[in-house]
Amino acid sequence: MTTLSQALHTCDMLLIDGLHAFEFTHDATGLHIELMDGRALKRWSFSPAQLDQARADGQDWLIDTEQGEHRLVLMSAFRAPDEDQEDHDAPADDTADR
């Protein structure tokens, strides 16, 4: 069974309580999230113990804190291929019939 800490290693961004978070760190001190919601800076910190106790709800994760329950959705960002890489799958002489 995958834990939240394991799942965070493959995550590029996440939703917390419906808000997109691109700036977060996951290390030995826990999970730290920071984002701008309009003009308001919002921050969350979850201890390693809280991450260990997080429970999966389908594809989401639920974390209980003193302030209440938080819902995390882990996401992977789409990445464009590097411009320096050649497309080896495309034929070199691809001509269109006209």
N, C-alpha and C. Protein backbone atom coordinates (compact mmCIF):
# COMPACT_ATOMS: atom_id res chain seq x y z
N MET A 1 0.84 -1.19 0.00
CA MET A 1 0.00 0.00 0.00
C MET A 1 0.88 1.25 0.00
N THR A 2 0.59 2.15 -0.87
CA THR A 2 1.36 3.39 -0.99
C THR A 2 0.95 4.37 0.10
N THR A 3 1.93 5.02 0.69
CA THR A 3 1.66 6.05 1.69
C THR A 3 1.69 7.42 1.00
N LEU A 4 1.18 8.42 1.67
CA LEU A 4 1.21 9.77 1.13
C LEU A 4 2.65 10.23 0.90
N SER A 5 3.54 9.93 1.83
CA SER A 5 4.94 10.33 1.68
C SER A 5 5.56 9.71 0.43
N GLN A 6 5.25 8.45 0.15
CA GLN A 6 5.76 7.80 -1.06
C GLN A 6 5.18 8.46 -2.31
N ALA A 7 3.89 8.75 -2.29
CA ALA A 7 3.23 9.35 -3.45
C ALA A 7 3.75 10.75 -3.73
N LEU A 8 4.15 11.48 -2.71
CA LEU A 8 4.66 12.84 -2.90
C LEU A 8 5.98 12.87 -3.67
N HIS A 9 6.73 11.78 -3.66
CA HIS A 9 8.01 11.74 -4.38
C HIS A 9 7.83 11.83 -5.89
N THR A 10 6.68 11.46 -6.41
CA THR A 10 6.45 11.49 -7.85
C THR A 10 5.52 12.63 -8.25
N CYS A 11 5.24 13.51 -7.34
CA CYS A 11 4.27 14.58 -7.55
C CYS A 11 4.97 15.88 -7.94
N ASP A 12 4.44 16.57 -8.97
CA ASP A 12 5.00 17.86 -9.40
C ASP A 12 4.19 19.03 -8.85
N MET A 13 2.91 18.82 -8.66
CA MET A 13 2.04 19.86 -8.10
C MET A 13 0.89 19.17 -7.40
N LEU A 14 0.15 19.94 -6.63
CA LEU A 14 -0.97 19.36 -5.91
C LEU A 14 -2.07 20.38 -5.72
N LEU A 15 -3.22 19.88 -5.40
CA LEU A 15 -4.35 20.70 -4.98
C LEU A 15 -4.49 20.49 -3.48
N ILE A 16 -4.64 21.58 -2.75
CA ILE A 16 -4.96 21.48 -1.33
C ILE A 16 -6.23 22.27 -1.10
N ASP A 17 -7.23 21.58 -0.65
CA ASP A 17 -8.54 22.19 -0.41
C ASP A 17 -9.02 22.95 -1.63
N GLY A 18 -8.76 22.40 -2.82
CA GLY A 18 -9.23 22.99 -4.07
C GLY A 18 -8.33 24.07 -4.66
N LEU A 19 -7.21 24.38 -4.03
CA LEU A 19 -6.29 25.41 -4.51
C LEU A 19 -5.05 24.78 -5.10
N HIS A 20 -4.59 25.28 -6.27
CA HIS A 20 -3.39 24.75 -6.92
C HIS A 20 -2.14 25.20 -6.18
N ALA A 21 -1.28 24.25 -5.89
CA ALA A 21 -0.02 24.55 -5.21
C ALA A 21 1.14 24.02 -6.04
N PHE A 22 1.98 24.94 -6.51
CA PHE A 22 3.17 24.56 -7.27
C PHE A 22 4.40 24.62 -6.38
N GLU A 23 4.33 25.42 -5.31
CA GLU A 23 5.45 25.60 -4.39
C GLU A 23 5.21 24.78 -3.13
N PHE A 24 5.91 23.66 -3.04
CA PHE A 24 5.83 22.86 -1.83
C PHE A 24 7.11 22.07 -1.67
N THR A 25 7.42 21.74 -0.44
CA THR A 25 8.60 20.92 -0.16
C THR A 25 8.16 19.74 0.71
N HIS A 26 8.74 18.62 0.41
CA HIS A 26 8.52 17.41 1.20
C HIS A 26 9.88 16.86 1.56
N ASP A 27 10.17 16.87 2.86
CA ASP A 27 11.47 16.38 3.33
C ASP A 27 11.28 15.73 4.70
N ALA A 28 12.36 15.56 5.42
CA ALA A 28 12.30 14.89 6.72
C ALA A 28 11.49 15.66 7.76
N THR A 29 11.30 16.97 7.53
CA THR A 29 10.53 17.78 8.49
C THR A 29 9.03 17.74 8.19
N GLY A 30 8.64 17.15 7.07
CA GLY A 30 7.22 17.05 6.73
C GLY A 30 6.92 17.66 5.37
N LEU A 31 5.70 18.11 5.21
CA LEU A 31 5.23 18.72 3.96
C LEU A 31 4.90 20.17 4.24
N HIS A 32 5.47 21.08 3.45
CA HIS A 32 5.26 22.51 3.61
C HIS A 32 4.76 23.06 2.28
N ILE A 33 3.62 23.73 2.32
CA ILE A 33 2.96 24.22 1.11
C ILE A 33 2.76 25.72 1.25
N GLU A 34 3.02 26.43 0.14
CA GLU A 34 2.81 27.87 0.11
C GLU A 34 2.19 28.24 -1.23
N LEU A 35 1.16 29.09 -1.20
CA LEU A 35 0.53 29.51 -2.45
C LEU A 35 -0.14 30.86 -2.26
N MET A 36 -0.40 31.52 -3.38
CA MET A 36 -1.14 32.77 -3.37
C MET A 36 -2.57 32.49 -3.78
N ASP A 37 -3.50 32.94 -2.96
CA ASP A 37 -4.93 32.84 -3.25
C ASP A 37 -5.41 34.27 -3.42
N GLY A 38 -5.40 34.73 -4.66
CA GLY A 38 -5.66 36.15 -4.90
C GLY A 38 -4.49 36.94 -4.37
N ARG A 39 -4.74 37.80 -3.39
CA ARG A 39 -3.66 38.58 -2.77
C ARG A 39 -3.21 37.99 -1.44
N ALA A 40 -3.84 36.92 -1.04
CA ALA A 40 -3.53 36.32 0.27
C ALA A 40 -2.53 35.18 0.13
N LEU A 41 -1.47 35.24 0.92
CA LEU A 41 -0.49 34.17 0.98
C LEU A 41 -1.00 33.13 1.97
N LYS A 42 -1.10 31.89 1.52
CA LYS A 42 -1.57 30.81 2.39
C LYS A 42 -0.46 29.80 2.56
N ARG A 43 -0.36 29.27 3.79
CA ARG A 43 0.68 28.29 4.12
C ARG A 43 0.08 27.15 4.92
N TRP A 44 0.59 25.97 4.65
CA TRP A 44 0.23 24.78 5.40
C TRP A 44 1.52 24.04 5.72
N SER A 45 1.57 23.43 6.89
CA SER A 45 2.68 22.57 7.29
C SER A 45 2.10 21.32 7.93
N PHE A 46 2.59 20.18 7.46
CA PHE A 46 2.14 18.90 7.99
C PHE A 46 3.37 18.14 8.48
N SER A 47 3.29 17.62 9.67
CA SER A 47 4.40 16.88 10.26
C SER A 47 4.50 15.49 9.63
N PRO A 48 5.65 14.84 9.79
CA PRO A 48 5.77 13.47 9.30
C PRO A 48 4.71 12.54 9.90
N ALA A 49 4.37 12.75 11.17
CA ALA A 49 3.34 11.91 11.81
C ALA A 49 1.98 12.12 11.15
N GLN A 50 1.65 13.37 10.81
CA GLN A 50 0.38 13.64 10.14
C GLN A 50 0.36 13.01 8.75
N LEU A 51 1.50 13.05 8.05
CA LEU A 51 1.56 12.43 6.73
C LEU A 51 1.40 10.92 6.83
N ASP A 52 1.99 10.32 7.86
CA ASP A 52 1.86 8.88 8.06
C ASP A 52 0.43 8.47 8.35
N GLN A 53 -0.33 9.34 8.98
CA GLN A 53 -1.72 9.04 9.33
C GLN A 53 -2.71 9.44 8.26
N ALA A 54 -2.23 10.08 7.18
CA ALA A 54 -3.14 10.48 6.09
C ALA A 54 -3.79 9.24 5.50
N ARG A 55 -5.02 9.39 5.08
CA ARG A 55 -5.73 8.25 4.51
C ARG A 55 -6.17 8.57 3.10
N ALA A 56 -6.10 7.54 2.27
CA ALA A 56 -6.49 7.68 0.88
C ALA A 56 -8.01 7.66 0.77
N ASP A 57 -8.53 8.51 -0.12
CA ASP A 57 -9.96 8.56 -0.43
C ASP A 57 -10.06 8.59 -1.94
N GLY A 58 -10.03 7.42 -2.57
CA GLY A 58 -9.94 7.35 -4.02
C GLY A 58 -8.55 7.81 -4.44
N GLN A 59 -8.49 8.83 -5.29
CA GLN A 59 -7.21 9.40 -5.71
C GLN A 59 -6.75 10.54 -4.80
N ASP A 60 -7.59 10.94 -3.86
CA ASP A 60 -7.28 12.04 -2.95
C ASP A 60 -6.68 11.49 -1.65
N TRP A 61 -6.08 12.40 -0.89
CA TRP A 61 -5.55 12.07 0.43
C TRP A 61 -6.17 13.03 1.44
N LEU A 62 -6.56 12.52 2.59
CA LEU A 62 -7.15 13.33 3.65
C LEU A 62 -6.18 13.38 4.83
N ILE A 63 -5.90 14.61 5.30
CA ILE A 63 -5.00 14.81 6.42
C ILE A 63 -5.78 15.53 7.52
N ASP A 64 -5.80 14.96 8.71
CA ASP A 64 -6.45 15.59 9.85
C ASP A 64 -5.45 16.43 10.63
N THR A 65 -5.85 17.67 10.95
CA THR A 65 -5.04 18.56 11.78
C THR A 65 -5.92 19.15 12.86
N GLU A 66 -5.34 19.96 13.71
CA GLU A 66 -6.10 20.64 14.75
C GLU A 66 -7.12 21.61 14.14
N GLN A 67 -6.81 22.15 12.95
CA GLN A 67 -7.70 23.10 12.29
C GLN A 67 -8.80 22.41 11.49
N GLY A 68 -8.71 21.11 11.32
CA GLY A 68 -9.72 20.38 10.56
C GLY A 68 -9.07 19.46 9.55
N GLU A 69 -9.89 19.00 8.62
CA GLU A 69 -9.42 18.05 7.61
C GLU A 69 -9.03 18.79 6.33
N HIS A 70 -7.94 18.37 5.72
CA HIS A 70 -7.48 18.95 4.46
C HIS A 70 -7.44 17.85 3.40
N ARG A 71 -7.86 18.21 2.19
CA ARG A 71 -7.88 17.26 1.07
C ARG A 71 -6.76 17.62 0.11
N LEU A 72 -5.90 16.63 -0.17
CA LEU A 72 -4.81 16.80 -1.13
C LEU A 72 -5.08 15.94 -2.35
N VAL A 73 -4.86 16.52 -3.52
CA VAL A 73 -4.90 15.79 -4.77
C VAL A 73 -3.53 15.93 -5.40
N LEU A 74 -2.83 14.83 -5.57
CA LEU A 74 -1.48 14.85 -6.13
C LEU A 74 -1.56 14.81 -7.64
N MET A 75 -0.76 15.65 -8.30
CA MET A 75 -0.81 15.75 -9.75
C MET A 75 0.61 15.74 -10.33
N SER A 76 0.70 15.27 -11.55
CA SER A 76 1.96 15.33 -12.29
C SER A 76 1.79 16.34 -13.40
N ALA A 77 2.76 17.22 -13.53
CA ALA A 77 2.70 18.26 -14.56
C ALA A 77 3.03 17.65 -15.91
N PHE A 78 2.41 18.20 -16.95
CA PHE A 78 2.77 17.81 -18.31
C PHE A 78 4.05 18.53 -18.66
N ARG A 79 4.94 17.82 -19.30
CA ARG A 79 6.23 18.42 -19.66
C ARG A 79 6.42 18.33 -21.16
N ALA A 80 6.82 19.43 -21.74
CA ALA A 80 7.15 19.45 -23.16
C ALA A 80 8.54 18.85 -23.35
N PRO A 81 8.77 18.18 -24.46
CA PRO A 81 10.11 17.64 -24.69
C PRO A 81 11.11 18.78 -24.87
N ASP A 82 12.34 18.50 -24.51
CA ASP A 82 13.39 19.50 -24.69
C ASP A 82 13.54 19.82 -26.17
N GLU A 83 13.78 21.08 -26.48
CA GLU A 83 13.95 21.48 -27.87
C GLU A 83 15.19 20.87 -28.48
N ASP A 84 16.18 20.56 -27.65
CA ASP A 84 17.42 19.99 -28.15
C ASP A 84 17.28 18.53 -28.56
N GLN A 85 16.25 17.88 -28.05
CA GLN A 85 16.05 16.48 -28.39
C GLN A 85 15.40 16.36 -29.75
N GLU A 86 15.88 15.40 -30.52
CA GLU A 86 15.29 15.16 -31.83
C GLU A 86 14.13 14.20 -31.68
N ASP A 87 13.15 14.35 -32.55
CA ASP A 87 12.02 13.44 -32.55
C ASP A 87 12.39 12.25 -33.41
N HIS A 88 12.76 11.14 -32.76
CA HIS A 88 13.21 9.96 -33.48
C HIS A 88 12.06 9.16 -34.06
N ASP A 89 10.84 9.45 -33.65
CA ASP A 89 9.69 8.70 -34.14
C ASP A 89 9.16 9.25 -35.47
N ALA A 90 9.43 10.52 -35.75
CA ALA A 90 8.90 11.13 -36.97
C ALA A 90 9.79 10.77 -38.16
N PRO A 91 9.16 10.43 -39.30
CA PRO A 91 9.97 10.13 -40.49
C PRO A 91 10.66 11.39 -40.99
N ALA A 92 11.88 11.22 -41.52
CA ALA A 92 12.67 12.37 -41.96
C ALA A 92 12.10 13.02 -43.19
N ASP A 93 11.61 12.25 -44.15
CA ASP A 93 11.08 12.79 -45.40
C ASP A 93 9.57 12.59 -45.45
N ASP A 94 8.86 13.28 -44.63
CA ASP A 94 7.39 13.14 -44.56
C ASP A 94 6.79 14.16 -45.51
N THR A 95 6.29 13.72 -46.64
CA THR A 95 5.68 14.62 -47.62
C THR A 95 4.18 14.39 -47.62
N ALA A 96 3.46 15.47 -47.81
CA ALA A 96 2.02 15.37 -47.84
C ALA A 96 1.55 15.23 -49.28
N ASP A 97 0.54 14.41 -49.51
CA ASP A 97 -0.07 14.29 -50.83
C ASP A 97 -0.93 15.49 -51.08
N ARG A 98 -0.70 16.15 -52.23
CA ARG A 98 -1.50 17.35 -52.56
C ARG A 98 -2.14 17.21 -53.88
